[in-house]
Amino acid sequence: MEIEKNAVAGTLESSDAQVTVEPADILELSIESIVANQYVKQIKATIQETLARLGVERGRVTVIDKGALDCTLKARVECAVFRSCGRSQAGIPWGGMIDD
């Protein structure tokens, strides 16, 4: 899946995360988290696994985490990626593999 345009998912509320995706020539990941000292490795792994499952190889992904659980991070990344390529209208198999 390719990031075609800028898209955002999530909020800056407590226990949530705001994920922004933008087109780019390489895969860039930026993470800002209130729990970075304790969990940045797990946050990064969750985001990278979700991007890999979706087949995203290029793009700039910015995550502002306010203590979100892994399932929330996955959902926010999926939603932002789906929005960026116009796949969020209907029939999305959330949490599953997308067939092209």
N, C-alpha and C. Protein backbone atom coordinates (compact mmCIF):
# COMPACT_ATOMS: atom_id res chain seq x y z
N MET A 1 0.85 -1.16 0.00
CA MET A 1 0.00 0.00 0.00
C MET A 1 0.90 1.23 0.00
N GLU A 2 0.50 2.24 -0.73
CA GLU A 2 1.31 3.44 -0.85
C GLU A 2 0.61 4.64 -0.23
N ILE A 3 1.37 5.43 0.51
CA ILE A 3 0.85 6.67 1.08
C ILE A 3 0.81 7.70 -0.05
N GLU A 4 -0.39 8.10 -0.45
CA GLU A 4 -0.56 8.98 -1.60
C GLU A 4 -0.72 10.45 -1.22
N LYS A 5 -1.29 10.71 -0.05
CA LYS A 5 -1.51 12.10 0.38
C LYS A 5 -1.45 12.15 1.90
N ASN A 6 -1.35 13.36 2.43
CA ASN A 6 -1.31 13.54 3.88
C ASN A 6 -2.63 13.09 4.50
N ALA A 7 -2.52 12.44 5.64
CA ALA A 7 -3.73 12.00 6.36
C ALA A 7 -3.41 11.92 7.85
N VAL A 8 -4.45 12.09 8.66
CA VAL A 8 -4.32 12.08 10.12
C VAL A 8 -5.39 11.19 10.71
N ALA A 9 -5.03 10.50 11.79
CA ALA A 9 -6.00 9.72 12.56
C ALA A 9 -5.67 9.86 14.03
N GLY A 10 -6.68 9.89 14.86
CA GLY A 10 -6.47 9.96 16.30
C GLY A 10 -6.58 11.36 16.86
N THR A 11 -6.37 11.43 18.18
CA THR A 11 -6.47 12.70 18.89
C THR A 11 -5.27 12.87 19.81
N LEU A 12 -5.23 14.00 20.46
CA LEU A 12 -4.19 14.27 21.45
C LEU A 12 -4.71 14.11 22.88
N GLU A 13 -5.82 13.38 23.01
CA GLU A 13 -6.39 13.12 24.32
C GLU A 13 -5.57 12.06 25.06
N SER A 14 -5.71 12.02 26.36
CA SER A 14 -5.03 11.01 27.17
C SER A 14 -5.40 9.61 26.71
N SER A 15 -4.45 8.72 26.68
CA SER A 15 -4.61 7.31 26.28
C SER A 15 -4.91 7.13 24.80
N ASP A 16 -4.60 8.13 23.99
CA ASP A 16 -4.79 8.04 22.54
C ASP A 16 -3.47 8.40 21.86
N ALA A 17 -3.48 8.40 20.55
CA ALA A 17 -2.30 8.81 19.78
C ALA A 17 -2.79 9.48 18.51
N GLN A 18 -2.05 10.46 18.05
CA GLN A 18 -2.34 11.11 16.78
C GLN A 18 -1.27 10.66 15.80
N VAL A 19 -1.70 10.06 14.70
CA VAL A 19 -0.78 9.55 13.68
C VAL A 19 -0.99 10.36 12.41
N THR A 20 0.09 10.91 11.89
CA THR A 20 0.08 11.65 10.64
C THR A 20 0.96 10.92 9.64
N VAL A 21 0.46 10.71 8.43
CA VAL A 21 1.26 10.10 7.38
C VAL A 21 1.35 11.07 6.20
N GLU A 22 2.51 11.06 5.57
CA GLU A 22 2.76 11.92 4.42
C GLU A 22 3.60 11.15 3.40
N PRO A 23 3.43 11.45 2.12
CA PRO A 23 4.28 10.80 1.12
C PRO A 23 5.75 11.18 1.33
N ALA A 24 6.65 10.25 1.06
CA ALA A 24 8.09 10.49 1.13
C ALA A 24 8.79 9.40 0.33
N ASP A 25 10.04 9.64 -0.01
CA ASP A 25 10.81 8.68 -0.82
C ASP A 25 11.32 7.50 -0.01
N ILE A 26 11.46 7.67 1.29
CA ILE A 26 11.91 6.60 2.17
C ILE A 26 10.94 6.50 3.34
N LEU A 27 11.05 5.45 4.12
CA LEU A 27 10.20 5.31 5.29
C LEU A 27 10.87 6.02 6.47
N GLU A 28 10.20 7.05 6.97
CA GLU A 28 10.69 7.82 8.11
C GLU A 28 9.67 7.72 9.23
N LEU A 29 10.16 7.47 10.43
CA LEU A 29 9.28 7.34 11.59
C LEU A 29 9.74 8.29 12.69
N SER A 30 8.80 9.12 13.15
CA SER A 30 9.07 10.06 14.23
C SER A 30 8.07 9.78 15.34
N ILE A 31 8.57 9.58 16.56
CA ILE A 31 7.71 9.26 17.69
C ILE A 31 7.95 10.24 18.82
N GLU A 32 6.86 10.83 19.30
CA GLU A 32 6.89 11.66 20.50
C GLU A 32 5.91 11.02 21.47
N SER A 33 6.36 10.70 22.67
CA SER A 33 5.48 9.99 23.60
C SER A 33 5.71 10.44 25.03
N ILE A 34 4.62 10.49 25.78
CA ILE A 34 4.74 10.84 27.20
C ILE A 34 5.31 9.68 28.00
N VAL A 35 5.34 8.49 27.39
CA VAL A 35 5.90 7.31 28.06
C VAL A 35 7.11 6.77 27.31
N ALA A 36 7.80 7.65 26.60
CA ALA A 36 8.94 7.22 25.77
C ALA A 36 10.03 6.54 26.58
N ASN A 37 10.32 7.04 27.76
CA ASN A 37 11.39 6.44 28.56
C ASN A 37 11.13 4.97 28.86
N GLN A 38 9.88 4.61 29.04
CA GLN A 38 9.55 3.23 29.38
C GLN A 38 9.22 2.37 28.16
N TYR A 39 8.57 2.94 27.13
CA TYR A 39 7.95 2.12 26.10
C TYR A 39 8.30 2.46 24.65
N VAL A 40 9.28 3.30 24.40
CA VAL A 40 9.52 3.72 23.01
C VAL A 40 9.87 2.53 22.10
N LYS A 41 10.58 1.54 22.60
CA LYS A 41 10.91 0.37 21.77
C LYS A 41 9.65 -0.39 21.36
N GLN A 42 8.73 -0.57 22.30
CA GLN A 42 7.49 -1.28 22.00
C GLN A 42 6.60 -0.45 21.07
N ILE A 43 6.53 0.84 21.28
CA ILE A 43 5.74 1.71 20.41
C ILE A 43 6.28 1.64 18.99
N LYS A 44 7.59 1.75 18.85
CA LYS A 44 8.22 1.70 17.52
C LYS A 44 7.97 0.35 16.86
N ALA A 45 8.11 -0.73 17.60
CA ALA A 45 7.89 -2.07 17.05
C ALA A 45 6.45 -2.24 16.57
N THR A 46 5.49 -1.77 17.36
CA THR A 46 4.07 -1.88 17.00
C THR A 46 3.78 -1.12 15.71
N ILE A 47 4.31 0.07 15.60
CA ILE A 47 4.09 0.89 14.40
C ILE A 47 4.75 0.25 13.20
N GLN A 48 5.99 -0.20 13.33
CA GLN A 48 6.70 -0.83 12.22
C GLN A 48 6.01 -2.12 11.76
N GLU A 49 5.54 -2.93 12.71
CA GLU A 49 4.83 -4.17 12.36
C GLU A 49 3.54 -3.87 11.60
N THR A 50 2.83 -2.85 12.03
CA THR A 50 1.58 -2.48 11.36
C THR A 50 1.85 -1.97 9.95
N LEU A 51 2.85 -1.12 9.80
CA LEU A 51 3.21 -0.62 8.47
C LEU A 51 3.64 -1.76 7.56
N ALA A 52 4.42 -2.69 8.07
CA ALA A 52 4.88 -3.83 7.28
C ALA A 52 3.70 -4.70 6.85
N ARG A 53 2.76 -4.95 7.77
CA ARG A 53 1.58 -5.74 7.44
C ARG A 53 0.74 -5.10 6.35
N LEU A 54 0.72 -3.77 6.33
CA LEU A 54 -0.02 -3.03 5.31
C LEU A 54 0.77 -2.87 4.02
N GLY A 55 2.04 -3.24 4.03
CA GLY A 55 2.87 -3.13 2.83
C GLY A 55 3.38 -1.73 2.57
N VAL A 56 3.43 -0.90 3.60
CA VAL A 56 3.93 0.47 3.45
C VAL A 56 5.45 0.45 3.52
N GLU A 57 6.10 0.87 2.44
CA GLU A 57 7.55 0.88 2.37
C GLU A 57 8.14 2.28 2.32
N ARG A 58 7.29 3.26 2.00
CA ARG A 58 7.75 4.65 1.92
C ARG A 58 6.72 5.56 2.55
N GLY A 59 7.21 6.64 3.14
CA GLY A 59 6.33 7.63 3.73
C GLY A 59 6.91 8.17 5.02
N ARG A 60 6.40 9.31 5.43
CA ARG A 60 6.80 9.92 6.70
C ARG A 60 5.64 9.69 7.67
N VAL A 61 5.94 9.02 8.76
CA VAL A 61 4.93 8.69 9.76
C VAL A 61 5.32 9.39 11.06
N THR A 62 4.44 10.25 11.54
CA THR A 62 4.67 10.98 12.78
C THR A 62 3.62 10.55 13.80
N VAL A 63 4.09 10.15 14.97
CA VAL A 63 3.19 9.68 16.01
C VAL A 63 3.39 10.53 17.26
N ILE A 64 2.31 11.10 17.75
CA ILE A 64 2.31 11.80 19.03
C ILE A 64 1.46 10.95 19.96
N ASP A 65 2.13 10.26 20.86
CA ASP A 65 1.48 9.29 21.73
C ASP A 65 1.21 9.88 23.10
N LYS A 66 -0.01 9.68 23.56
CA LYS A 66 -0.41 10.14 24.89
C LYS A 66 -0.74 8.97 25.80
N GLY A 67 0.02 7.87 25.64
CA GLY A 67 -0.18 6.70 26.49
C GLY A 67 -1.12 5.68 25.90
N ALA A 68 -1.20 5.61 24.58
CA ALA A 68 -2.11 4.68 23.91
C ALA A 68 -1.64 3.23 24.07
N LEU A 69 -2.59 2.32 24.13
CA LEU A 69 -2.30 0.90 24.12
C LEU A 69 -1.89 0.48 22.71
N ASP A 70 -1.26 -0.69 22.59
CA ASP A 70 -0.84 -1.19 21.28
C ASP A 70 -2.00 -1.28 20.29
N CYS A 71 -3.16 -1.75 20.75
CA CYS A 71 -4.30 -1.89 19.85
C CYS A 71 -4.75 -0.54 19.30
N THR A 72 -4.64 0.50 20.11
CA THR A 72 -4.99 1.84 19.67
C THR A 72 -3.97 2.35 18.66
N LEU A 73 -2.69 2.11 18.91
CA LEU A 73 -1.65 2.51 17.96
C LEU A 73 -1.87 1.84 16.61
N LYS A 74 -2.15 0.54 16.63
CA LYS A 74 -2.40 -0.19 15.38
C LYS A 74 -3.58 0.40 14.63
N ALA A 75 -4.66 0.67 15.34
CA ALA A 75 -5.86 1.21 14.71
C ALA A 75 -5.60 2.59 14.12
N ARG A 76 -4.88 3.43 14.84
CA ARG A 76 -4.59 4.79 14.34
C ARG A 76 -3.69 4.74 13.11
N VAL A 77 -2.68 3.87 13.11
CA VAL A 77 -1.80 3.75 11.94
C VAL A 77 -2.60 3.23 10.75
N GLU A 78 -3.38 2.18 10.95
CA GLU A 78 -4.21 1.65 9.87
C GLU A 78 -5.11 2.72 9.29
N CYS A 79 -5.80 3.43 10.14
CA CYS A 79 -6.75 4.45 9.69
C CYS A 79 -6.06 5.55 8.89
N ALA A 80 -4.94 6.04 9.38
CA ALA A 80 -4.22 7.10 8.66
C ALA A 80 -3.74 6.62 7.29
N VAL A 81 -3.22 5.40 7.24
CA VAL A 81 -2.75 4.85 5.95
C VAL A 81 -3.93 4.66 5.00
N PHE A 82 -5.04 4.08 5.49
CA PHE A 82 -6.20 3.89 4.64
C PHE A 82 -6.73 5.22 4.12
N ARG A 83 -6.77 6.23 4.97
CA ARG A 83 -7.24 7.55 4.54
C ARG A 83 -6.30 8.15 3.49
N SER A 84 -5.02 7.90 3.62
CA SER A 84 -4.04 8.51 2.71
C SER A 84 -4.15 7.99 1.29
N CYS A 85 -4.73 6.81 1.12
CA CYS A 85 -4.82 6.25 -0.23
C CYS A 85 -6.27 6.01 -0.65
N GLY A 86 -7.21 6.65 0.03
CA GLY A 86 -8.61 6.59 -0.36
C GLY A 86 -9.28 5.25 -0.14
N ARG A 87 -8.77 4.43 0.78
CA ARG A 87 -9.35 3.11 1.01
C ARG A 87 -10.23 3.07 2.26
N SER A 88 -10.52 4.21 2.85
CA SER A 88 -11.26 4.19 4.12
C SER A 88 -12.77 4.35 3.97
N GLN A 89 -13.29 4.36 2.75
CA GLN A 89 -14.72 4.59 2.58
C GLN A 89 -15.57 3.43 3.07
N ALA A 90 -15.26 2.20 2.67
CA ALA A 90 -16.09 1.06 3.07
C ALA A 90 -15.34 -0.24 2.83
N GLY A 91 -15.78 -1.27 3.53
CA GLY A 91 -15.25 -2.60 3.28
C GLY A 91 -13.82 -2.82 3.73
N ILE A 92 -13.37 -2.09 4.73
CA ILE A 92 -12.00 -2.26 5.21
C ILE A 92 -11.96 -3.41 6.20
N PRO A 93 -11.07 -4.38 5.99
CA PRO A 93 -10.93 -5.47 6.97
C PRO A 93 -9.99 -5.03 8.09
N TRP A 94 -10.47 -4.20 8.99
CA TRP A 94 -9.65 -3.66 10.06
C TRP A 94 -8.92 -4.79 10.79
N GLY A 95 -7.61 -4.58 10.96
CA GLY A 95 -6.80 -5.56 11.66
C GLY A 95 -6.40 -6.75 10.81
N GLY A 96 -6.78 -6.74 9.54
CA GLY A 96 -6.45 -7.85 8.64
C GLY A 96 -5.64 -7.39 7.46
N MET A 97 -5.31 -8.30 6.60
CA MET A 97 -4.49 -8.01 5.44
C MET A 97 -5.38 -7.46 4.32
N ILE A 98 -4.87 -6.48 3.61
CA ILE A 98 -5.57 -5.87 2.49
C ILE A 98 -5.12 -6.56 1.21
N ASP A 99 -6.09 -6.95 0.38
CA ASP A 99 -5.76 -7.54 -0.92
C ASP A 99 -5.82 -6.44 -1.97
N ASP A 100 -4.80 -6.38 -2.78
CA ASP A 100 -4.79 -5.39 -3.88
C ASP A 100 -5.35 -5.99 -5.14
